[in-house]
C-alpha atoms as a PDB file:
ATOM      1  CA  MET A   1     -26.037   5.541  -9.261  1.00  0.00           C
ATOM      2  CA  GLY A   2     -23.412   4.479  -6.783  1.00  0.00           C
ATOM      3  CA  GLU A   3     -22.871   1.109  -8.467  1.00  0.00           C
ATOM      4  CA  THR A   4     -21.590   2.751 -11.654  1.00  0.00           C
ATOM      5  CA  GLU A   5     -19.685   5.649 -10.070  1.00  0.00           C
ATOM      6  CA  SER A   6     -16.387   3.756  -9.775  1.00  0.00           C
ATOM      7  CA  LEU A   7     -16.539   2.699 -13.423  1.00  0.00           C
ATOM      8  CA  SER A   8     -17.480   6.213 -14.520  1.00  0.00           C
ATOM      9  CA  LEU A   9     -14.543   7.771 -12.662  1.00  0.00           C
ATOM     10  CA  GLU A  10     -12.144   5.134 -14.004  1.00  0.00           C
ATOM     11  CA  LEU A  11     -13.201   5.713 -17.610  1.00  0.00           C
ATOM     12  CA  GLN A  12     -12.654   9.463 -17.254  1.00  0.00           C
ATOM     13  CA  LYS A  13      -8.966   9.012 -16.457  1.00  0.00           C
ATOM     14  CA  LYS A  14      -6.461   9.913 -19.160  1.00  0.00           C
ATOM     15  CA  SER A  15      -4.237   6.912 -18.470  1.00  0.00           C
ATOM     16  CA  GLN A  16      -6.055   3.641 -17.928  1.00  0.00           C
ATOM     17  CA  ASP A  17      -5.002   0.117 -17.145  1.00  0.00           C
ATOM     18  CA  ILE A  18      -6.780  -2.043 -19.723  1.00  0.00           C
ATOM     19  CA  LEU A  19      -6.914  -5.078 -17.433  1.00  0.00           C
ATOM     20  CA  ASN A  20      -8.324  -3.061 -14.527  1.00  0.00           C
ATOM     21  CA  ALA A  21     -10.909  -1.371 -16.762  1.00  0.00           C
ATOM     22  CA  MET A  22     -11.987  -4.717 -18.207  1.00  0.00           C
ATOM     23  CA  ASP A  23     -12.432  -6.260 -14.751  1.00  0.00           C
ATOM     24  CA  LEU A  24     -14.327  -3.191 -13.553  1.00  0.00           C
ATOM     25  CA  VAL A  25     -16.722  -3.338 -16.510  1.00  0.00           C
ATOM     26  CA  SER A  26     -17.446  -7.032 -15.889  1.00  0.00           C
ATOM     27  CA  SER A  27     -17.941  -6.461 -12.165  1.00  0.00           C
ATOM     28  CA  THR A  28     -20.287  -3.537 -12.805  1.00  0.00           C
ATOM     29  CA  LYS A  29     -22.402  -5.606 -15.196  1.00  0.00           C
ATOM     30  CA  VAL A  30     -22.726  -8.441 -12.683  1.00  0.00           C
ATOM     31  CA  SER A  31     -23.523  -6.028  -9.852  1.00  0.00           C
ATOM     32  CA  LEU A  32     -26.245  -4.240 -11.822  1.00  0.00           C
ATOM     33  CA  ASN A  33     -27.761  -7.548 -12.908  1.00  0.00           C
ATOM     34  CA  ASN A  34     -27.837  -8.796  -9.302  1.00  0.00           C
ATOM     35  CA  ILE A  35     -29.536  -5.588  -8.172  1.00  0.00           C
ATOM     36  CA  ARG A  36     -32.059  -5.927 -10.993  1.00  0.00           C
ATOM     37  CA  ASN A  37     -32.994  -9.475 -10.000  1.00  0.00           C
ATOM     38  CA  GLU A  38     -32.686  -9.362  -6.213  1.00  0.00           C
ATOM     39  CA  GLY A  39     -32.294  -5.759  -5.103  1.00  0.00           C
ATOM     40  CA  TRP A  40     -35.833  -4.416  -5.202  1.00  0.00           C
ATOM     41  CA  ASP A  41     -36.835  -5.371  -1.655  1.00  0.00           C
ATOM     42  CA  SER A  42     -33.767  -3.832  -0.034  1.00  0.00           C
ATOM     43  CA  PHE A  43     -34.105  -0.738  -2.218  1.00  0.00           C
ATOM     44  CA  LEU A  44     -37.752  -0.332  -1.209  1.00  0.00           C
ATOM     45  CA  ASP A  45     -36.788  -0.669   2.463  1.00  0.00           C
ATOM     46  CA  GLU A  46     -34.219   2.117   2.070  1.00  0.00           C
ATOM     47  CA  VAL A  47     -36.768   4.372   0.372  1.00  0.00           C
ATOM     48  CA  THR A  48     -39.345   3.645   3.068  1.00  0.00           C
ATOM     49  CA  TYR A  49     -36.859   4.444   5.828  1.00  0.00           C
ATOM     50  CA  PHE A  50     -35.855   7.677   4.077  1.00  0.00           C
ATOM     51  CA  CYS A  51     -39.476   8.797   3.719  1.00  0.00           C
ATOM     52  CA  GLN A  52     -40.274   8.004   7.348  1.00  0.00           C
ATOM     53  CA  ARG A  53     -37.173   9.806   8.567  1.00  0.00           C
ATOM     54  CA  HIS A  54     -37.979  12.963   6.607  1.00  0.00           C
ATOM     55  CA  LYS A  55     -41.753  12.689   7.135  1.00  0.00           C
ATOM     56  CA  ILE A  56     -42.531  12.188   3.451  1.00  0.00           C
ATOM     57  CA  GLN A  57     -45.850  10.554   2.682  1.00  0.00           C
ATOM     58  CA  MET A  58     -45.583   7.324   0.707  1.00  0.00           C
ATOM     59  CA  PRO A  59     -48.381   5.910  -1.440  1.00  0.00           C
ATOM     60  CA  ASP A  60     -49.974   2.590  -0.621  1.00  0.00           C
ATOM     61  CA  MET A  61     -47.862   0.212  -2.697  1.00  0.00           C
ATOM     62  CA  ASN A  62     -50.802  -2.219  -3.053  1.00  0.00           C
ATOM     63  CA  ALA A  63     -53.190   0.449  -4.305  1.00  0.00           C
ATOM     64  CA  GLN A  64     -54.100   0.776  -7.971  1.00  0.00           C
ATOM     65  CA  TYR A  65     -51.779   3.036  -9.940  1.00  0.00           C
ATOM     66  CA  ILE A  66     -53.499   5.490 -12.279  1.00  0.00           C
ATOM     67  CA  SER A  67     -51.330   7.482 -14.645  1.00  0.00           C
ATOM     68  CA  THR A  68     -51.994  11.208 -14.754  1.00  0.00           C
ATOM     69  CA  ARG A  69     -50.291  11.561 -18.146  1.00  0.00           C
ATOM     70  CA  TYR A  70     -52.144   8.975 -20.213  1.00  0.00           C
ATOM     71  CA  ARG A  71     -55.681   7.648 -20.371  1.00  0.00           C
ATOM     72  CA  PRO A  72     -55.845   4.365 -18.454  1.00  0.00           C
ATOM     73  CA  ARG A  73     -56.235   1.195 -20.483  1.00  0.00           C
ATOM     74  CA  LYS A  74     -57.950  -2.007 -19.416  1.00  0.00           C
ATOM     75  CA  LYS A  75     -54.702  -3.787 -18.661  1.00  0.00           C
ATOM     76  CA  ASP A  76     -53.613  -0.838 -16.505  1.00  0.00           C
ATOM     77  CA  LEU A  77     -56.521  -1.376 -14.104  1.00  0.00           C
ATOM     78  CA  HIS A  78     -54.586  -4.137 -12.327  1.00  0.00           C
ATOM     79  CA  VAL A  79     -51.302  -2.213 -12.076  1.00  0.00           C
ATOM     80  CA  THR A  80     -50.338  -1.338  -8.511  1.00  0.00           C
ATOM     81  CA  PHE A  81     -47.925   1.324  -7.306  1.00  0.00           C
ATOM     82  CA  GLU A  82     -45.491  -1.433  -6.356  1.00  0.00           C
ATOM     83  CA  HIS A  83     -45.610  -2.901  -9.881  1.00  0.00           C
ATOM     84  CA  TYR A  84     -45.208   0.515 -11.515  1.00  0.00           C
ATOM     85  CA  TYR A  85     -42.205   1.560  -9.440  1.00  0.00           C
ATOM     86  CA  ARG A  86     -40.539  -1.865  -9.674  1.00  0.00           C
ATOM     87  CA  VAL A  87     -41.096  -2.679 -13.357  1.00  0.00           C
ATOM     88  CA  ASP A  88     -41.518   0.651 -15.120  1.00  0.00           C
ATOM     89  CA  LEU A  89     -38.906   2.599 -13.152  1.00  0.00           C
ATOM     90  CA  PHE A  90     -36.509   0.388 -11.173  1.00  0.00           C
ATOM     91  CA  ILE A  91     -36.020  -2.473 -13.639  1.00  0.00           C
ATOM     92  CA  ALA A  92     -36.327  -0.212 -16.693  1.00  0.00           C
ATOM     93  CA  THR A  93     -33.567   2.072 -15.403  1.00  0.00           C
ATOM     94  CA  LEU A  94     -31.221  -0.838 -14.694  1.00  0.00           C
ATOM     95  CA  ASP A  95     -31.965  -2.379 -18.094  1.00  0.00           C
ATOM     96  CA  LYS A  96     -31.052   0.938 -19.695  1.00  0.00           C
ATOM     97  CA  HIS A  97     -27.710   0.960 -17.872  1.00  0.00           C
ATOM     98  CA  LEU A  98     -26.987  -2.641 -18.857  1.00  0.00           C
ATOM     99  CA  ASP A  99     -27.902  -1.992 -22.489  1.00  0.00           C
ATOM    100  CA  GLU A 100     -25.524   0.979 -22.607  1.00  0.00           C
ATOM    101  CA  LEU A 101     -22.690  -1.065 -21.096  1.00  0.00           C
ATOM    102  CA  ASN A 102     -23.306  -3.987 -23.450  1.00  0.00           C
ATOM    103  CA  SER A 103     -23.409  -1.611 -26.402  1.00  0.00           C
ATOM    104  CA  ARG A 104     -20.185   0.165 -25.451  1.00  0.00           C
ATOM    105  CA  PHE A 105     -18.356  -2.943 -24.208  1.00  0.00           C
ATOM    106  CA  SER A 106     -19.537  -5.724 -26.482  1.00  0.00           C
ATOM    107  CA  ASP A 107     -18.223  -9.289 -26.348  1.00  0.00           C
ATOM    108  CA  GLN A 108     -15.852  -8.459 -29.198  1.00  0.00           C
ATOM    109  CA  SER A 109     -14.468  -5.426 -27.354  1.00  0.00           C
ATOM    110  CA  MET A 110     -14.072  -7.411 -24.144  1.00  0.00           C
ATOM    111  CA  GLU A 111     -12.235 -10.173 -26.026  1.00  0.00           C
ATOM    112  CA  LEU A 112      -9.888  -7.597 -27.541  1.00  0.00           C
ATOM    113  CA  LEU A 113      -9.156  -6.093 -24.120  1.00  0.00           C
ATOM    114  CA  SER A 114      -8.741  -9.538 -22.576  1.00  0.00           C
ATOM    115  CA  LEU A 115      -6.205 -10.657 -25.182  1.00  0.00           C
ATOM    116  CA  SER A 116      -4.335  -7.355 -24.866  1.00  0.00           C
ATOM    117  CA  SER A 117      -4.032  -7.675 -21.094  1.00  0.00           C
ATOM    118  CA  SER A 118      -1.571 -10.565 -21.511  1.00  0.00           C
ATOM    119  CA  LEU A 119       1.157  -8.045 -22.365  1.00  0.00           C
ATOM    120  CA  ALA A 120       1.050  -6.653 -18.826  1.00  0.00           C
ATOM    121  CA  SER A 121       1.313 -10.051 -17.119  1.00  0.00           C
ATOM    122  CA  LYS A 122       4.437 -11.580 -15.617  1.00  0.00           C
ATOM    123  CA  GLU A 123       4.868 -13.794 -18.673  1.00  0.00           C
ATOM    124  CA  ILE A 124       3.355 -12.928 -22.038  1.00  0.00           C
ATOM    125  CA  ASP A 125       0.909 -15.521 -23.338  1.00  0.00           C
ATOM    126  CA  VAL A 126       2.304 -16.126 -26.826  1.00  0.00           C
ATOM    127  CA  ASP A 127      -0.835 -17.828 -28.145  1.00  0.00           C
ATOM    128  CA  GLN A 128      -3.104 -15.006 -26.961  1.00  0.00           C
ATOM    129  CA  ILE A 129      -1.015 -12.267 -28.569  1.00  0.00           C
ATOM    130  CA  CYS A 130      -0.718 -14.195 -31.829  1.00  0.00           C
ATOM    131  CA  LEU A 131      -4.489 -14.716 -31.824  1.00  0.00           C
ATOM    132  CA  LEU A 132      -4.953 -11.004 -31.134  1.00  0.00           C
ATOM    133  CA  VAL A 133      -2.773 -10.034 -34.101  1.00  0.00           C
ATOM    134  CA  GLU A 134      -4.361 -12.564 -36.430  1.00  0.00           C
ATOM    135  CA  LYS A 135      -7.919 -11.621 -35.500  1.00  0.00           C
ATOM    136  CA  TYR A 136      -7.769  -7.842 -35.072  1.00  0.00           C
ATOM    137  CA  TYR A 137      -4.522  -6.578 -36.621  1.00  0.00           C
ATOM    138  CA  SER A 138      -4.116  -8.798 -39.670  1.00  0.00           C
ATOM    139  CA  GLN A 139      -3.646  -5.780 -41.947  1.00  0.00           C
ATOM    140  CA  ASP A 140      -0.736  -4.477 -39.857  1.00  0.00           C
ATOM    141  CA  PHE A 141       1.273  -7.727 -40.032  1.00  0.00           C
ATOM    142  CA  ASN A 142       1.935  -9.879 -43.056  1.00  0.00           C
ATOM    143  CA  GLU A 143       2.113 -13.660 -42.822  1.00  0.00           C
ATOM    144  CA  GLN A 144       5.887 -13.748 -42.406  1.00  0.00           C
ATOM    145  CA  GLU A 145       5.763 -11.152 -39.611  1.00  0.00           C
ATOM    146  CA  ARG A 146       3.076 -13.099 -37.749  1.00  0.00           C
ATOM    147  CA  ILE A 147       5.318 -16.171 -37.778  1.00  0.00           C
ATOM    148  CA  GLN A 148       8.307 -14.116 -36.671  1.00  0.00           C
ATOM    149  CA  LEU A 149       6.260 -12.468 -33.911  1.00  0.00           C
ATOM    150  CA  ARG A 150       5.750 -15.804 -32.177  1.00  0.00           C
ATOM    151  CA  HIS A 151       9.519 -16.349 -32.004  1.00  0.00           C
ATOM    152  CA  GLN A 152      10.111 -12.799 -30.743  1.00  0.00           C
ATOM    153  CA  LEU A 153       7.547 -13.244 -27.964  1.00  0.00           C
ATOM    154  CA  ARG A 154       9.150 -16.485 -26.792  1.00  0.00           C
ATOM    155  CA  LEU A 155      12.599 -14.906 -26.822  1.00  0.00           C
ATOM    156  CA  PHE A 156      11.309 -11.847 -24.966  1.00  0.00           C
ATOM    157  CA  ASN A 157       9.838 -14.010 -22.184  1.00  0.00           C
ATOM    158  CA  VAL A 158      13.274 -15.563 -21.637  1.00  0.00           C
ATOM    159  CA  ASP A 159      14.977 -12.167 -21.817  1.00  0.00           C
ATOM    160  CA  LYS A 160      12.451 -10.676 -19.403  1.00  0.00           C
ATOM    161  CA  ALA A 161      13.106 -13.363 -16.791  1.00  0.00           C
ATOM    162  CA  GLN A 162      16.866 -12.752 -16.937  1.00  0.00           C
ATOM    163  CA  ASN A 163      16.900  -8.957 -17.262  1.00  0.00           C
ATOM    164  CA  PRO A 164      15.999  -7.000 -14.081  1.00  0.00           C
ATOM    165  CA  ARG A 165      15.347  -3.874 -16.147  1.00  0.00           C
ATOM    166  CA  LEU A 166      12.403  -5.611 -17.801  1.00  0.00           C
ATOM    167  CA  SER A 167      10.833  -6.776 -14.540  1.00  0.00           C
ATOM    168  CA  GLY A 168       8.160  -4.941 -12.594  1.00  0.00           C
ATOM    169  CA  ILE A 169       5.963  -4.292 -15.633  1.00  0.00           C
ATOM    170  CA  SER A 170       2.389  -3.809 -14.416  1.00  0.00           C
ATOM    171  CA  ALA A 171       0.854  -1.981 -17.392  1.00  0.00           C
ATOM    172  CA  ILE A 172       1.208  -2.015 -21.168  1.00  0.00           C
ATOM    173  CA  SER A 173       2.553   1.547 -21.096  1.00  0.00           C
ATOM    174  CA  ASP A 174       5.335   0.324 -18.751  1.00  0.00           C
ATOM    175  CA  LEU A 175       6.274  -2.319 -21.313  1.00  0.00           C
ATOM    176  CA  CYS A 176       6.519   0.314 -24.045  1.00  0.00           C
ATOM    177  CA  ARG A 177       8.770   2.527 -21.911  1.00  0.00           C
ATOM    178  CA  SER A 178      10.937  -0.446 -20.900  1.00  0.00           C
ATOM    179  CA  LEU A 179      11.541  -1.396 -24.528  1.00  0.00           C
ATOM    180  CA  VAL A 180      12.743   2.145 -25.218  1.00  0.00           C
ATOM    181  CA  LYS A 181      14.880   2.520 -22.077  1.00  0.00           C
ATOM    182  CA  THR A 182      16.623  -0.824 -22.550  1.00  0.00           C
ATOM    183  CA  GLN A 183      17.120  -0.132 -26.274  1.00  0.00           C
ATOM    184  CA  LYS A 184      15.362  -3.393 -27.141  1.00  0.00           C
ATOM    185  CA  ARG A 185      12.780  -1.691 -29.276  1.00  0.00           C
ATOM    186  CA  GLU A 186      14.672  -2.566 -32.454  1.00  0.00           C
ATOM    187  CA  THR A 187      15.363  -6.126 -31.308  1.00  0.00           C
ATOM    188  CA  TYR A 188      11.702  -6.842 -30.588  1.00  0.00           C
ATOM    189  CA  PHE A 189      10.318  -4.511 -33.239  1.00  0.00           C
ATOM    190  CA  LEU A 190       7.215  -6.634 -33.854  1.00  0.00           C
ATOM    191  CA  LEU A 191       6.380  -6.728 -30.153  1.00  0.00           C
ATOM    192  CA  ASP A 192       6.908  -2.971 -30.039  1.00  0.00           C
ATOM    193  CA  ARG A 193       4.467  -2.569 -32.919  1.00  0.00           C
ATOM    194  CA  VAL A 194       1.824  -4.640 -31.122  1.00  0.00           C
ATOM    195  CA  VAL A 195       2.259  -2.606 -27.943  1.00  0.00           C
ATOM    196  CA  ARG A 196       1.903   0.704 -29.768  1.00  0.00           C
ATOM    197  CA  LEU A 197      -1.195  -0.467 -31.623  1.00  0.00           C
ATOM    198  CA  ILE A 198      -2.837  -1.493 -28.360  1.00  0.00           C
ATOM    199  CA  LEU A 199      -1.894   1.764 -26.637  1.00  0.00           C
ATOM    200  CA  THR A 200      -3.828   3.647 -29.311  1.00  0.00           C
ATOM    201  CA  LEU A 201      -6.921   1.635 -28.378  1.00  0.00           C
ATOM    202  CA  PRO A 202      -9.053   3.886 -26.126  1.00  0.00           C
ATOM    203  CA  VAL A 203     -11.024   2.202 -23.374  1.00  0.00           C
ATOM    204  CA  SER A 204     -13.245   5.275 -23.310  1.00  0.00           C
ATOM    205  CA  THR A 205     -13.718   8.482 -25.305  1.00  0.00           C
ATOM    206  CA  ALA A 206     -13.209  10.817 -22.354  1.00  0.00           C
ATOM    207  CA  THR A 207      -9.927  12.270 -23.641  1.00  0.00           C
ATOM    208  CA  THR A 208     -11.380  12.774 -27.128  1.00  0.00           C
ATOM    209  CA  GLU A 209     -14.421  14.538 -25.707  1.00  0.00           C
ATOM    210  CA  ARG A 210     -12.163  16.830 -23.677  1.00  0.00           C
ATOM    211  CA  GLY A 211     -10.285  17.693 -26.858  1.00  0.00           C
ATOM    212  CA  PHE A 212     -13.465  18.720 -28.684  1.00  0.00           C
ATOM    213  CA  SER A 213     -14.598  20.746 -25.668  1.00  0.00           C
ATOM    214  CA  ALA A 214     -11.261  22.562 -25.674  1.00  0.00           C
ATOM    215  CA  MET A 215     -11.642  23.242 -29.403  1.00  0.00           C
ATOM    216  CA  LYS A 216     -14.971  24.987 -28.766  1.00  0.00           C
ATOM    217  CA  ARG A 217     -13.353  27.232 -26.182  1.00  0.00           C
ATOM    218  CA  ILE A 218     -10.254  28.058 -28.209  1.00  0.00           C
ATOM    219  CA  LYS A 219     -11.629  28.418 -31.722  1.00  0.00           C
ATOM    220  CA  ASN A 220     -14.022  31.267 -31.028  1.00  0.00           C
ATOM    221  CA  ARG A 221     -15.038  34.109 -33.313  1.00  0.00           C
ATOM    222  CA  LEU A 222     -11.762  35.993 -32.823  1.00  0.00           C
ATOM    223  CA  ARG A 223      -9.651  32.929 -33.628  1.00  0.00           C
ATOM    224  CA  ASN A 224     -11.861  31.514 -36.352  1.00  0.00           C
ATOM    225  CA  LYS A 225      -9.248  32.096 -39.080  1.00  0.00           C
ATOM    226  CA  MET A 226      -6.243  30.604 -37.301  1.00  0.00           C
ATOM    227  CA  SER A 227      -4.137  28.070 -39.191  1.00  0.00           C
ATOM    228  CA  ASP A 228      -4.339  24.349 -38.416  1.00  0.00           C
ATOM    229  CA  GLU A 229      -0.818  24.314 -36.996  1.00  0.00           C
ATOM    230  CA  TYR A 230      -1.515  27.196 -34.614  1.00  0.00           C
ATOM    231  CA  LEU A 231      -4.828  25.610 -33.600  1.00  0.00           C
ATOM    232  CA  ALA A 232      -3.124  22.265 -32.896  1.00  0.00           C
ATOM    233  CA  ASN A 233      -0.434  23.947 -30.790  1.00  0.00           C
ATOM    234  CA  SER A 234      -3.036  25.900 -28.824  1.00  0.00           C
ATOM    235  CA  LEU A 235      -5.083  22.753 -28.213  1.00  0.00           C
ATOM    236  CA  VAL A 236      -2.063  20.824 -26.933  1.00  0.00           C
ATOM    237  CA  ILE A 237      -1.280  23.563 -24.407  1.00  0.00           C
ATOM    238  CA  ASN A 238      -4.919  23.697 -23.279  1.00  0.00           C
ATOM    239  CA  VAL A 239      -5.631  19.958 -23.114  1.00  0.00           C
ATOM    240  CA  GLU A 240      -2.282  19.138 -21.472  1.00  0.00           C
ATOM    241  CA  ARG A 241      -2.299  22.202 -19.228  1.00  0.00           C
ATOM    242  CA  GLU A 242      -1.153  20.166 -16.220  1.00  0.00           C
ATOM    243  CA  ILE A 243       2.123  19.524 -18.043  1.00  0.00           C
ATOM    244  CA  ALA A 244       2.261  23.002 -19.576  1.00  0.00           C
ATOM    245  CA  GLU A 245       2.049  24.643 -16.142  1.00  0.00           C
ATOM    246  CA  LYS A 246       5.401  23.060 -15.247  1.00  0.00           C
ATOM    247  CA  PHE A 247       7.189  24.849 -18.100  1.00  0.00           C
ATOM    248  CA  ASP A 248       9.418  27.788 -17.227  1.00  0.00           C
ATOM    249  CA  GLN A 249       8.622  30.655 -19.582  1.00  0.00           C
ATOM    250  CA  ASP A 250      12.053  32.241 -19.094  1.00  0.00           C
ATOM    251  CA  CYS A 251      13.759  29.022 -20.189  1.00  0.00           C
ATOM    252  CA  ILE A 252      11.596  28.893 -23.314  1.00  0.00           C
ATOM    253  CA  ILE A 253      12.461  32.515 -24.145  1.00  0.00           C
ATOM    254  CA  ASP A 254      16.166  31.840 -23.619  1.00  0.00           C
ATOM    255  CA  GLU A 255      16.015  28.753 -25.823  1.00  0.00           C
ATOM    256  CA  PHE A 256      14.539  30.695 -28.731  1.00  0.00           C
ATOM    257  CA  LYS A 257      17.003  33.516 -28.088  1.00  0.00           C
ATOM    258  CA  ASN A 258      19.964  31.145 -28.387  1.00  0.00           C
ATOM    259  CA  LEU A 259      18.781  29.693 -31.682  1.00  0.00           C
ATOM    260  CA  LYS A 260      21.134  30.519 -34.517  1.00  0.00           C
ATOM    261  CA  GLY A 261      19.918  32.630 -37.375  1.00  0.00           C
ATOM    262  CA  ARG A 262      18.569  30.655 -40.299  1.00  0.00           C
ATOM    263  CA  ARG A 263      19.241  33.231 -42.984  1.00  0.00           C
ATOM    264  CA  ALA A 264      21.808  32.162 -45.526  1.00  0.00           C
ATOM    265  CA  GLU A 265      24.652  34.563 -46.118  1.00  0.00           C
ATOM    266  CA  LEU A 266      24.958  35.785 -49.686  1.00  0.00           C
END
């Protein structure tokens, strides 16, 4: 369906903006719900036009619908083609999509993503981040650290406004890189911990699924007895092949060649 294509393509990306993904999920839910409630007439007009254009015979939508798969019941005697296509197919399909989205992106997940998105804003919402830590990451921060985190966030907002190197942050990954480049990772170590915890939060499982698919290709019968370390190295090269293709093999060979011998002299 075209309404879910944008969301599907966004969730398949390796690097995702949490705020953008959250907004796209909400927009997709609203769009599908609007189509479910008000989109049948326009959809039927499009189908009718398509059938007329390609000379495809359409059934009389007001005629009685009789299933060829099941024995008709008494209540089915008043079911028309229009009712069958609208309720049993059109609405049922949209309800299935909405159920899947609500199951994958529950209210709790959306709240977690919403609170996390404050880190990528112009000014970090201290209350939101503290609520995020208290509600979802209480085991990663003790009581004293949660109190100290609030002070670090306030100080970072002031530092961010005065330091040009910390400006222009549009994603949580940018914030993580900025803390490392400016050597403020140790100063705001609690903020850095929050950022890294959130970055490990996958919006989708696309990358994980790609990893398992690569494992099926690599660990075949001939390589079934490879060690875990060799398997992990092979998977990294295969999954991150876009980065691996940029490596110069001659440089790698020269680097190993220049390594000093590790044997101890007796």
